[in-house]
Amino acid sequence: MFEKFTNLAKRSITLSQDEAITLGHDFIGTEHMLLGLVRVREGLAGEILGQQGVTADRVRGAALRLLEAAGVSANGGREATEALASIGIDVEEIRRRADDTFGPGQFKFPRPGYTMRAKKVLELTLRESMELGHDYIGTEHLLLGLLAEGEGVGVEALGTLGVDPATLRTAVLERVRATAS
């Protein structure tokens, strides 16, 4: 599936992983995916979100508030680190050696995994692309997939920012159709 992603869509996925790591989360959720999309301003999704007044800082703040209210805290991959330590692997030593080899902070461990909702977004993204008759997956399809999933923290964060998901979906579809003409 990822071979169909445009360079901008791939970049947004990479940025979503970076956001999760930076925030100390051991998962990639819909909120991280939204952050990745917002940060790729030259992508269709980033442009439309920007027109709606959605910025990375605003999404990050809203998402963190929602996660905190749900009792989700940043643990920086503590569970994976503890599991490895239980079998005698010193993650701190690995980090030190990686810093020596690749430069400080260049190697991040553990890499977060996708939540079930984020996986569903990826599934819906492919469906959105196919329904539009496209043979590629762009940032617009990722945003449509996120909106179609409809219940993740990403969509909740949009709501707290005053963005109506249905209106946003319509704006994306109109822009996709206008670009195709």
N, C-alpha and C. Protein backbone atom coordinates (compact mmCIF):
# COMPACT_ATOMS: atom_id res chain seq x y z
N MET A 1 0.82 -1.20 0.00
CA MET A 1 0.00 0.00 0.00
C MET A 1 0.87 1.26 0.00
N PHE A 2 1.96 1.26 0.79
CA PHE A 2 2.77 2.47 0.91
C PHE A 2 3.46 2.85 -0.40
N GLU A 3 3.58 1.89 -1.33
CA GLU A 3 4.19 2.22 -2.62
C GLU A 3 3.30 3.16 -3.43
N LYS A 4 2.02 3.23 -3.09
CA LYS A 4 1.09 4.14 -3.78
C LYS A 4 1.13 5.56 -3.21
N PHE A 5 1.77 5.72 -2.06
CA PHE A 5 1.80 7.03 -1.40
C PHE A 5 2.67 8.00 -2.19
N THR A 6 2.17 9.23 -2.32
CA THR A 6 2.98 10.29 -2.91
C THR A 6 4.10 10.64 -1.92
N ASN A 7 5.08 11.38 -2.39
CA ASN A 7 6.16 11.80 -1.49
C ASN A 7 5.64 12.64 -0.33
N LEU A 8 4.66 13.49 -0.61
CA LEU A 8 4.10 14.32 0.47
C LEU A 8 3.33 13.46 1.48
N ALA A 9 2.61 12.44 1.01
CA ALA A 9 1.89 11.55 1.93
C ALA A 9 2.89 10.76 2.78
N LYS A 10 3.96 10.29 2.16
CA LYS A 10 5.00 9.58 2.92
C LYS A 10 5.61 10.50 3.97
N ARG A 11 5.84 11.75 3.57
CA ARG A 11 6.42 12.71 4.52
C ARG A 11 5.48 12.93 5.70
N SER A 12 4.19 13.01 5.42
CA SER A 12 3.24 13.23 6.52
C SER A 12 3.22 12.03 7.48
N ILE A 13 3.37 10.83 6.95
CA ILE A 13 3.42 9.63 7.80
C ILE A 13 4.69 9.66 8.65
N THR A 14 5.80 10.02 8.04
CA THR A 14 7.06 10.12 8.79
C THR A 14 6.96 11.17 9.88
N LEU A 15 6.34 12.30 9.56
CA LEU A 15 6.16 13.36 10.55
C LEU A 15 5.23 12.91 11.68
N SER A 16 4.24 12.08 11.36
CA SER A 16 3.36 11.59 12.43
C SER A 16 4.13 10.70 13.40
N GLN A 17 5.05 9.91 12.86
CA GLN A 17 5.91 9.09 13.72
C GLN A 17 6.80 9.99 14.58
N ASP A 18 7.36 11.01 13.97
CA ASP A 18 8.22 11.94 14.71
C ASP A 18 7.44 12.65 15.82
N GLU A 19 6.20 13.03 15.53
CA GLU A 19 5.37 13.69 16.54
C GLU A 19 5.14 12.76 17.73
N ALA A 20 4.82 11.50 17.45
CA ALA A 20 4.58 10.55 18.53
C ALA A 20 5.82 10.41 19.41
N ILE A 21 6.98 10.29 18.78
CA ILE A 21 8.23 10.15 19.52
C ILE A 21 8.52 11.40 20.33
N THR A 22 8.38 12.56 19.70
CA THR A 22 8.65 13.83 20.38
C THR A 22 7.74 14.02 21.59
N LEU A 23 6.49 13.59 21.46
CA LEU A 23 5.54 13.74 22.56
C LEU A 23 5.69 12.65 23.62
N GLY A 24 6.60 11.70 23.38
CA GLY A 24 6.84 10.64 24.36
C GLY A 24 5.80 9.55 24.34
N HIS A 25 5.10 9.40 23.21
CA HIS A 25 4.07 8.38 23.11
C HIS A 25 4.65 7.12 22.49
N ASP A 26 4.19 5.98 22.95
CA ASP A 26 4.66 4.71 22.39
C ASP A 26 3.65 4.16 21.39
N PHE A 27 2.87 5.05 20.79
CA PHE A 27 1.87 4.68 19.80
C PHE A 27 1.73 5.82 18.80
N ILE A 28 1.23 5.50 17.62
CA ILE A 28 0.89 6.52 16.62
C ILE A 28 -0.62 6.45 16.47
N GLY A 29 -1.27 7.52 16.90
CA GLY A 29 -2.72 7.59 16.84
C GLY A 29 -3.18 8.55 15.76
N THR A 30 -4.47 8.70 15.67
CA THR A 30 -5.03 9.60 14.65
C THR A 30 -4.59 11.04 14.89
N GLU A 31 -4.34 11.39 16.16
CA GLU A 31 -3.87 12.74 16.46
C GLU A 31 -2.48 12.98 15.87
N HIS A 32 -1.63 11.98 15.91
CA HIS A 32 -0.29 12.11 15.33
C HIS A 32 -0.38 12.19 13.81
N MET A 33 -1.33 11.42 13.25
CA MET A 33 -1.52 11.46 11.79
C MET A 33 -1.99 12.85 11.36
N LEU A 34 -2.90 13.42 12.14
CA LEU A 34 -3.37 14.78 11.85
C LEU A 34 -2.22 15.77 11.94
N LEU A 35 -1.39 15.63 12.95
CA LEU A 35 -0.23 16.51 13.08
C LEU A 35 0.69 16.38 11.88
N GLY A 36 0.91 15.17 11.40
CA GLY A 36 1.73 14.97 10.20
C GLY A 36 1.14 15.66 8.99
N LEU A 37 -0.17 15.57 8.84
CA LEU A 37 -0.84 16.22 7.71
C LEU A 37 -0.75 17.74 7.79
N VAL A 38 -0.95 18.27 8.97
CA VAL A 38 -0.89 19.73 9.16
C VAL A 38 0.51 20.26 8.85
N ARG A 39 1.52 19.49 9.21
CA ARG A 39 2.90 19.94 9.03
C ARG A 39 3.36 19.90 7.57
N VAL A 40 2.66 19.17 6.71
CA VAL A 40 3.00 19.16 5.28
C VAL A 40 2.09 20.19 4.61
N ARG A 41 2.45 21.45 4.78
CA ARG A 41 1.62 22.56 4.32
C ARG A 41 1.44 22.60 2.80
N GLU A 42 2.43 22.08 2.05
CA GLU A 42 2.31 22.11 0.59
C GLU A 42 1.42 21.00 0.05
N GLY A 43 1.00 20.07 0.90
CA GLY A 43 0.06 19.04 0.49
C GLY A 43 -1.35 19.60 0.49
N LEU A 44 -2.21 18.95 -0.26
CA LEU A 44 -3.60 19.43 -0.35
C LEU A 44 -4.27 19.45 1.02
N ALA A 45 -4.05 18.42 1.82
CA ALA A 45 -4.64 18.38 3.17
C ALA A 45 -4.10 19.53 4.01
N GLY A 46 -2.81 19.75 3.98
CA GLY A 46 -2.20 20.83 4.76
C GLY A 46 -2.72 22.20 4.35
N GLU A 47 -2.91 22.39 3.05
CA GLU A 47 -3.45 23.67 2.56
C GLU A 47 -4.87 23.90 3.10
N ILE A 48 -5.70 22.87 2.97
CA ILE A 48 -7.09 23.01 3.39
C ILE A 48 -7.19 23.17 4.91
N LEU A 49 -6.41 22.41 5.65
CA LEU A 49 -6.41 22.56 7.11
C LEU A 49 -5.95 23.96 7.50
N GLY A 50 -4.92 24.46 6.82
CA GLY A 50 -4.44 25.81 7.08
C GLY A 50 -5.51 26.86 6.83
N GLN A 51 -6.29 26.66 5.77
CA GLN A 51 -7.38 27.59 5.46
C GLN A 51 -8.46 27.57 6.55
N GLN A 52 -8.54 26.46 7.26
CA GLN A 52 -9.51 26.33 8.36
C GLN A 52 -8.94 26.85 9.68
N GLY A 53 -7.70 27.37 9.64
CA GLY A 53 -7.07 27.88 10.85
C GLY A 53 -6.43 26.80 11.71
N VAL A 54 -6.24 25.62 11.15
CA VAL A 54 -5.66 24.51 11.89
C VAL A 54 -4.14 24.56 11.75
N THR A 55 -3.46 24.65 12.88
CA THR A 55 -1.99 24.67 12.89
C THR A 55 -1.50 23.49 13.75
N ALA A 56 -0.24 23.14 13.56
CA ALA A 56 0.33 22.05 14.35
C ALA A 56 0.28 22.37 15.84
N ASP A 57 0.60 23.59 16.22
CA ASP A 57 0.58 23.94 17.65
C ASP A 57 -0.81 23.80 18.25
N ARG A 58 -1.83 24.23 17.50
CA ARG A 58 -3.20 24.13 18.00
C ARG A 58 -3.64 22.68 18.11
N VAL A 59 -3.32 21.86 17.09
CA VAL A 59 -3.69 20.44 17.13
C VAL A 59 -2.96 19.74 18.27
N ARG A 60 -1.67 20.02 18.40
CA ARG A 60 -0.87 19.39 19.46
C ARG A 60 -1.46 19.69 20.83
N GLY A 61 -1.79 20.96 21.07
CA GLY A 61 -2.36 21.35 22.35
C GLY A 61 -3.70 20.67 22.61
N ALA A 62 -4.57 20.67 21.60
CA ALA A 62 -5.88 20.04 21.75
C ALA A 62 -5.74 18.54 21.98
N ALA A 63 -4.87 17.90 21.22
CA ALA A 63 -4.68 16.46 21.35
C ALA A 63 -4.13 16.10 22.73
N LEU A 64 -3.16 16.86 23.20
CA LEU A 64 -2.59 16.57 24.52
C LEU A 64 -3.63 16.75 25.62
N ARG A 65 -4.48 17.76 25.50
CA ARG A 65 -5.53 17.95 26.49
C ARG A 65 -6.52 16.77 26.47
N LEU A 66 -6.89 16.32 25.27
CA LEU A 66 -7.82 15.19 25.15
C LEU A 66 -7.20 13.91 25.70
N LEU A 67 -5.94 13.67 25.38
CA LEU A 67 -5.26 12.48 25.87
C LEU A 67 -5.11 12.50 27.39
N GLU A 68 -4.75 13.67 27.90
CA GLU A 68 -4.61 13.81 29.36
C GLU A 68 -5.94 13.55 30.05
N ALA A 69 -7.02 14.10 29.49
CA ALA A 69 -8.34 13.89 30.08
C ALA A 69 -8.75 12.41 30.05
N ALA A 70 -8.23 11.68 29.05
CA ALA A 70 -8.53 10.25 28.94
C ALA A 70 -7.57 9.39 29.76
N GLY A 71 -6.63 10.05 30.44
CA GLY A 71 -5.69 9.33 31.27
C GLY A 71 -4.50 8.75 30.53
N VAL A 72 -4.26 9.22 29.30
CA VAL A 72 -3.13 8.73 28.51
C VAL A 72 -1.96 9.67 28.74
N SER A 73 -0.86 9.11 29.21
CA SER A 73 0.31 9.95 29.47
C SER A 73 1.45 9.54 28.55
N ALA A 74 2.40 10.42 28.45
CA ALA A 74 3.61 10.13 27.67
C ALA A 74 4.49 9.20 28.49
N ASN A 75 4.85 8.06 27.90
CA ASN A 75 5.71 7.16 28.65
C ASN A 75 7.01 6.87 27.91
N GLY A 76 7.15 7.44 26.71
CA GLY A 76 8.42 7.33 25.99
C GLY A 76 8.84 5.91 25.69
N GLY A 77 7.87 5.02 25.52
CA GLY A 77 8.21 3.64 25.21
C GLY A 77 8.68 2.84 26.40
N ARG A 78 8.29 3.27 27.59
CA ARG A 78 8.73 2.63 28.82
C ARG A 78 8.44 1.14 28.84
N GLU A 79 7.25 0.71 28.35
CA GLU A 79 6.91 -0.71 28.39
C GLU A 79 7.87 -1.54 27.54
N ALA A 80 8.19 -1.06 26.35
CA ALA A 80 9.12 -1.80 25.49
C ALA A 80 10.51 -1.83 26.11
N THR A 81 10.92 -0.72 26.66
CA THR A 81 12.23 -0.64 27.31
C THR A 81 12.31 -1.61 28.48
N GLU A 82 11.25 -1.65 29.29
CA GLU A 82 11.22 -2.56 30.43
C GLU A 82 11.20 -4.03 29.98
N ALA A 83 10.47 -4.33 28.90
CA ALA A 83 10.43 -5.70 28.39
C ALA A 83 11.81 -6.14 27.93
N LEU A 84 12.53 -5.27 27.22
CA LEU A 84 13.88 -5.60 26.77
C LEU A 84 14.83 -5.75 27.95
N ALA A 85 14.69 -4.90 28.94
CA ALA A 85 15.55 -4.98 30.13
C ALA A 85 15.33 -6.31 30.85
N SER A 86 14.10 -6.81 30.83
CA SER A 86 13.81 -8.07 31.52
C SER A 86 14.53 -9.26 30.90
N ILE A 87 14.96 -9.12 29.66
CA ILE A 87 15.72 -10.21 29.03
C ILE A 87 17.20 -9.83 28.85
N GLY A 88 17.61 -8.80 29.59
CA GLY A 88 19.02 -8.46 29.64
C GLY A 88 19.53 -7.49 28.58
N ILE A 89 18.64 -6.79 27.89
CA ILE A 89 19.07 -5.82 26.88
C ILE A 89 19.04 -4.43 27.50
N ASP A 90 20.17 -3.75 27.46
CA ASP A 90 20.31 -2.42 28.03
C ASP A 90 20.03 -1.38 26.94
N VAL A 91 18.81 -0.87 26.93
CA VAL A 91 18.39 0.10 25.91
C VAL A 91 19.21 1.38 26.01
N GLU A 92 19.57 1.80 27.21
CA GLU A 92 20.38 3.02 27.36
C GLU A 92 21.75 2.84 26.71
N GLU A 93 22.32 1.66 26.81
CA GLU A 93 23.60 1.39 26.15
C GLU A 93 23.43 1.43 24.63
N ILE A 94 22.33 0.91 24.15
CA ILE A 94 22.05 0.96 22.71
C ILE A 94 21.94 2.42 22.26
N ARG A 95 21.24 3.23 23.05
CA ARG A 95 21.10 4.66 22.71
C ARG A 95 22.46 5.35 22.70
N ARG A 96 23.31 5.06 23.69
CA ARG A 96 24.64 5.68 23.73
C ARG A 96 25.45 5.30 22.49
N ARG A 97 25.43 4.03 22.16
CA ARG A 97 26.19 3.59 20.97
C ARG A 97 25.61 4.19 19.69
N ALA A 98 24.29 4.28 19.61
CA ALA A 98 23.65 4.88 18.43
C ALA A 98 24.02 6.36 18.33
N ASP A 99 24.04 7.06 19.47
CA ASP A 99 24.44 8.47 19.46
C ASP A 99 25.88 8.61 18.98
N ASP A 100 26.75 7.71 19.43
CA ASP A 100 28.15 7.74 19.00
C ASP A 100 28.28 7.48 17.50
N THR A 101 27.45 6.59 16.98
CA THR A 101 27.52 6.20 15.57
C THR A 101 26.80 7.18 14.65
N PHE A 102 25.57 7.55 15.01
CA PHE A 102 24.73 8.35 14.12
C PHE A 102 24.63 9.82 14.50
N GLY A 103 25.09 10.17 15.68
CA GLY A 103 24.94 11.54 16.18
C GLY A 103 23.88 11.58 17.25
N PRO A 104 24.01 12.49 18.20
CA PRO A 104 23.06 12.58 19.32
C PRO A 104 21.61 12.75 18.85
N GLY A 105 20.76 11.89 19.37
CA GLY A 105 19.33 12.01 19.10
C GLY A 105 18.86 11.54 17.74
N GLN A 106 19.75 11.03 16.90
CA GLN A 106 19.36 10.62 15.55
C GLN A 106 18.66 9.26 15.52
N PHE A 107 18.97 8.41 16.47
CA PHE A 107 18.37 7.09 16.54
C PHE A 107 17.33 7.11 17.65
N LYS A 108 16.10 6.83 17.30
CA LYS A 108 15.02 6.86 18.28
C LYS A 108 14.51 5.44 18.51
N PHE A 109 14.41 5.05 19.78
CA PHE A 109 13.92 3.73 20.12
C PHE A 109 13.07 3.83 21.38
N PRO A 110 12.01 3.11 21.48
CA PRO A 110 11.45 2.24 20.45
C PRO A 110 10.61 3.03 19.46
N ARG A 111 10.46 2.50 18.26
CA ARG A 111 9.59 3.12 17.26
C ARG A 111 8.15 2.81 17.66
N PRO A 112 7.30 3.80 17.70
CA PRO A 112 5.91 3.55 18.11
C PRO A 112 5.13 2.77 17.05
N GLY A 113 4.15 2.01 17.50
CA GLY A 113 3.27 1.27 16.60
C GLY A 113 1.96 2.02 16.41
N TYR A 114 1.23 1.66 15.36
CA TYR A 114 -0.05 2.30 15.06
C TYR A 114 -1.15 1.74 15.97
N THR A 115 -2.03 2.62 16.42
CA THR A 115 -3.21 2.19 17.16
C THR A 115 -4.18 1.54 16.18
N MET A 116 -5.18 0.86 16.70
CA MET A 116 -6.20 0.24 15.85
C MET A 116 -6.93 1.31 15.02
N ARG A 117 -7.19 2.45 15.63
CA ARG A 117 -7.87 3.52 14.88
C ARG A 117 -6.99 4.05 13.76
N ALA A 118 -5.70 4.21 14.02
CA ALA A 118 -4.78 4.70 12.99
C ALA A 118 -4.68 3.69 11.84
N LYS A 119 -4.67 2.41 12.18
CA LYS A 119 -4.67 1.38 11.13
C LYS A 119 -5.94 1.46 10.31
N LYS A 120 -7.06 1.71 10.98
CA LYS A 120 -8.34 1.86 10.28
C LYS A 120 -8.29 3.07 9.34
N VAL A 121 -7.65 4.15 9.79
CA VAL A 121 -7.51 5.34 8.94
C VAL A 121 -6.75 4.97 7.67
N LEU A 122 -5.68 4.19 7.80
CA LEU A 122 -4.91 3.79 6.62
C LEU A 122 -5.75 2.93 5.68
N GLU A 123 -6.55 2.06 6.24
CA GLU A 123 -7.46 1.24 5.45
C GLU A 123 -8.46 2.12 4.69
N LEU A 124 -9.06 3.05 5.41
CA LEU A 124 -10.04 3.95 4.82
C LEU A 124 -9.40 4.89 3.79
N THR A 125 -8.14 5.22 4.01
CA THR A 125 -7.41 6.07 3.08
C THR A 125 -7.34 5.40 1.71
N LEU A 126 -7.01 4.12 1.71
CA LEU A 126 -6.95 3.36 0.46
C LEU A 126 -8.33 3.33 -0.19
N ARG A 127 -9.34 3.10 0.59
CA ARG A 127 -10.72 3.07 0.07
C ARG A 127 -11.11 4.42 -0.54
N GLU A 128 -10.77 5.51 0.15
CA GLU A 128 -11.09 6.85 -0.36
C GLU A 128 -10.41 7.10 -1.70
N SER A 129 -9.16 6.71 -1.81
CA SER A 129 -8.41 6.88 -3.06
C SER A 129 -9.07 6.09 -4.20
N MET A 130 -9.41 4.84 -3.91
CA MET A 130 -10.02 3.99 -4.91
C MET A 130 -11.39 4.52 -5.34
N GLU A 131 -12.19 4.99 -4.38
CA GLU A 131 -13.52 5.51 -4.70
C GLU A 131 -13.44 6.77 -5.57
N LEU A 132 -12.35 7.50 -5.43
CA LEU A 132 -12.16 8.69 -6.26
C LEU A 132 -11.52 8.34 -7.61
N GLY A 133 -11.21 7.06 -7.80
CA GLY A 133 -10.62 6.63 -9.06
C GLY A 133 -9.15 6.97 -9.21
N HIS A 134 -8.47 7.18 -8.09
CA HIS A 134 -7.05 7.55 -8.12
C HIS A 134 -6.18 6.32 -7.97
N ASP A 135 -5.01 6.34 -8.62
CA ASP A 135 -4.07 5.23 -8.50
C ASP A 135 -2.91 5.59 -7.58
N TYR A 136 -3.09 6.60 -6.77
CA TYR A 136 -2.09 7.06 -5.81
C TYR A 136 -2.80 7.43 -4.52
N ILE A 137 -2.01 7.60 -3.46
CA ILE A 137 -2.56 8.05 -2.18
C ILE A 137 -1.81 9.32 -1.80
N GLY A 138 -2.57 10.41 -1.72
CA GLY A 138 -2.00 11.70 -1.35
C GLY A 138 -2.46 12.12 0.03
N THR A 139 -2.00 13.27 0.44
CA THR A 139 -2.38 13.77 1.77
C THR A 139 -3.89 13.96 1.87
N GLU A 140 -4.52 14.31 0.75
CA GLU A 140 -5.98 14.49 0.75
C GLU A 140 -6.70 13.19 1.09
N HIS A 141 -6.17 12.06 0.60
CA HIS A 141 -6.79 10.77 0.90
C HIS A 141 -6.58 10.40 2.36
N LEU A 142 -5.41 10.72 2.89
CA LEU A 142 -5.15 10.47 4.32
C LEU A 142 -6.13 11.26 5.18
N LEU A 143 -6.35 12.52 4.82
CA LEU A 143 -7.29 13.34 5.59
C LEU A 143 -8.71 12.80 5.45
N LEU A 144 -9.09 12.39 4.25
CA LEU A 144 -10.42 11.81 4.06
C LEU A 144 -10.57 10.52 4.87
N GLY A 145 -9.52 9.71 4.93
CA GLY A 145 -9.55 8.49 5.73
C GLY A 145 -9.70 8.79 7.21
N LEU A 146 -8.98 9.81 7.67
CA LEU A 146 -9.06 10.23 9.07
C LEU A 146 -10.48 10.69 9.40
N LEU A 147 -11.06 11.47 8.51
CA LEU A 147 -12.41 11.98 8.73
C LEU A 147 -13.44 10.84 8.65
N ALA A 148 -13.22 9.88 7.75
CA ALA A 148 -14.15 8.75 7.62
C ALA A 148 -14.12 7.87 8.87
N GLU A 149 -12.94 7.72 9.48
CA GLU A 149 -12.85 6.93 10.72
C GLU A 149 -13.73 7.59 11.78
N GLY A 150 -13.62 8.89 11.91
CA GLY A 150 -14.57 9.70 12.64
C GLY A 150 -14.59 9.70 14.15
N GLU A 151 -13.85 8.81 14.82
CA GLU A 151 -13.97 8.76 16.28
C GLU A 151 -12.65 8.93 17.01
N GLY A 152 -11.56 9.03 16.30
CA GLY A 152 -10.26 9.13 16.94
C GLY A 152 -9.99 10.49 17.54
N VAL A 153 -8.90 10.58 18.27
CA VAL A 153 -8.51 11.83 18.92
C VAL A 153 -8.25 12.92 17.87
N GLY A 154 -7.79 12.53 16.67
CA GLY A 154 -7.56 13.51 15.61
C GLY A 154 -8.83 14.27 15.26
N VAL A 155 -9.92 13.55 15.05
CA VAL A 155 -11.19 14.18 14.73
C VAL A 155 -11.72 14.95 15.94
N GLU A 156 -11.55 14.39 17.13
CA GLU A 156 -11.96 15.10 18.35
C GLU A 156 -11.21 16.43 18.47
N ALA A 157 -9.91 16.40 18.18
CA ALA A 157 -9.11 17.62 18.27
C ALA A 157 -9.61 18.67 17.29
N LEU A 158 -9.95 18.23 16.08
CA LEU A 158 -10.51 19.17 15.10
C LEU A 158 -11.78 19.82 15.66
N GLY A 159 -12.63 19.00 16.26
CA GLY A 159 -13.87 19.51 16.84
C GLY A 159 -13.62 20.55 17.91
N THR A 160 -12.62 20.31 18.78
CA THR A 160 -12.33 21.29 19.83
C THR A 160 -11.76 22.58 19.25
N LEU A 161 -11.23 22.48 18.02
CA LEU A 161 -10.71 23.68 17.36
C LEU A 161 -11.79 24.39 16.54
N GLY A 162 -13.01 23.88 16.62
CA GLY A 162 -14.13 24.51 15.91
C GLY A 162 -14.24 24.12 14.45
N VAL A 163 -13.60 23.03 14.07
CA VAL A 163 -13.67 22.56 12.68
C VAL A 163 -14.67 21.41 12.60
N ASP A 164 -15.68 21.59 11.77
CA ASP A 164 -16.69 20.55 11.58
C ASP A 164 -16.17 19.51 10.59
N PRO A 165 -16.06 18.25 11.00
CA PRO A 165 -15.53 17.21 10.12
C PRO A 165 -16.29 17.06 8.79
N ALA A 166 -17.61 17.19 8.84
CA ALA A 166 -18.41 17.05 7.61
C ALA A 166 -18.11 18.19 6.64
N THR A 167 -18.00 19.39 7.15
CA THR A 167 -17.67 20.55 6.31
C THR A 167 -16.27 20.41 5.75
N LEU A 168 -15.35 19.92 6.58
CA LEU A 168 -13.97 19.72 6.12
C LEU A 168 -13.93 18.67 5.02
N ARG A 169 -14.65 17.59 5.19
CA ARG A 169 -14.71 16.54 4.17
C ARG A 169 -15.22 17.10 2.84
N THR A 170 -16.28 17.88 2.91
CA THR A 170 -16.84 18.50 1.71
C THR A 170 -15.80 19.40 1.04
N ALA A 171 -15.08 20.19 1.83
CA ALA A 171 -14.05 21.08 1.28
C ALA A 171 -12.95 20.29 0.58
N VAL A 172 -12.54 19.17 1.18
CA VAL A 172 -11.50 18.34 0.57
C VAL A 172 -11.99 17.76 -0.75
N LEU A 173 -13.20 17.19 -0.74
CA LEU A 173 -13.75 16.59 -1.96
C LEU A 173 -13.93 17.62 -3.07
N GLU A 174 -14.40 18.81 -2.72
CA GLU A 174 -14.55 19.87 -3.73
C GLU A 174 -13.21 20.25 -4.32
N ARG A 175 -12.20 20.35 -3.48
CA ARG A 175 -10.86 20.71 -3.95
C ARG A 175 -10.26 19.61 -4.83
N VAL A 176 -10.49 18.35 -4.45
CA VAL A 176 -9.99 17.22 -5.24
C VAL A 176 -10.65 17.24 -6.62
N ARG A 177 -11.93 17.45 -6.65
CA ARG A 177 -12.67 17.47 -7.93
C ARG A 177 -12.24 18.66 -8.79
N ALA A 178 -12.01 19.82 -8.15
CA ALA A 178 -11.57 21.00 -8.89
C ALA A 178 -10.17 20.79 -9.45
N THR A 179 -9.31 20.12 -8.70
CA THR A 179 -7.94 19.86 -9.15
C THR A 179 -7.94 18.87 -10.31
N ALA A 180 -8.91 17.94 -10.32
CA ALA A 180 -8.98 16.92 -11.37
C ALA A 180 -9.48 17.50 -12.70
N SER A 181 -10.20 18.63 -12.64
CA SER A 181 -10.77 19.19 -13.87
C SER A 181 -9.76 19.95 -14.69
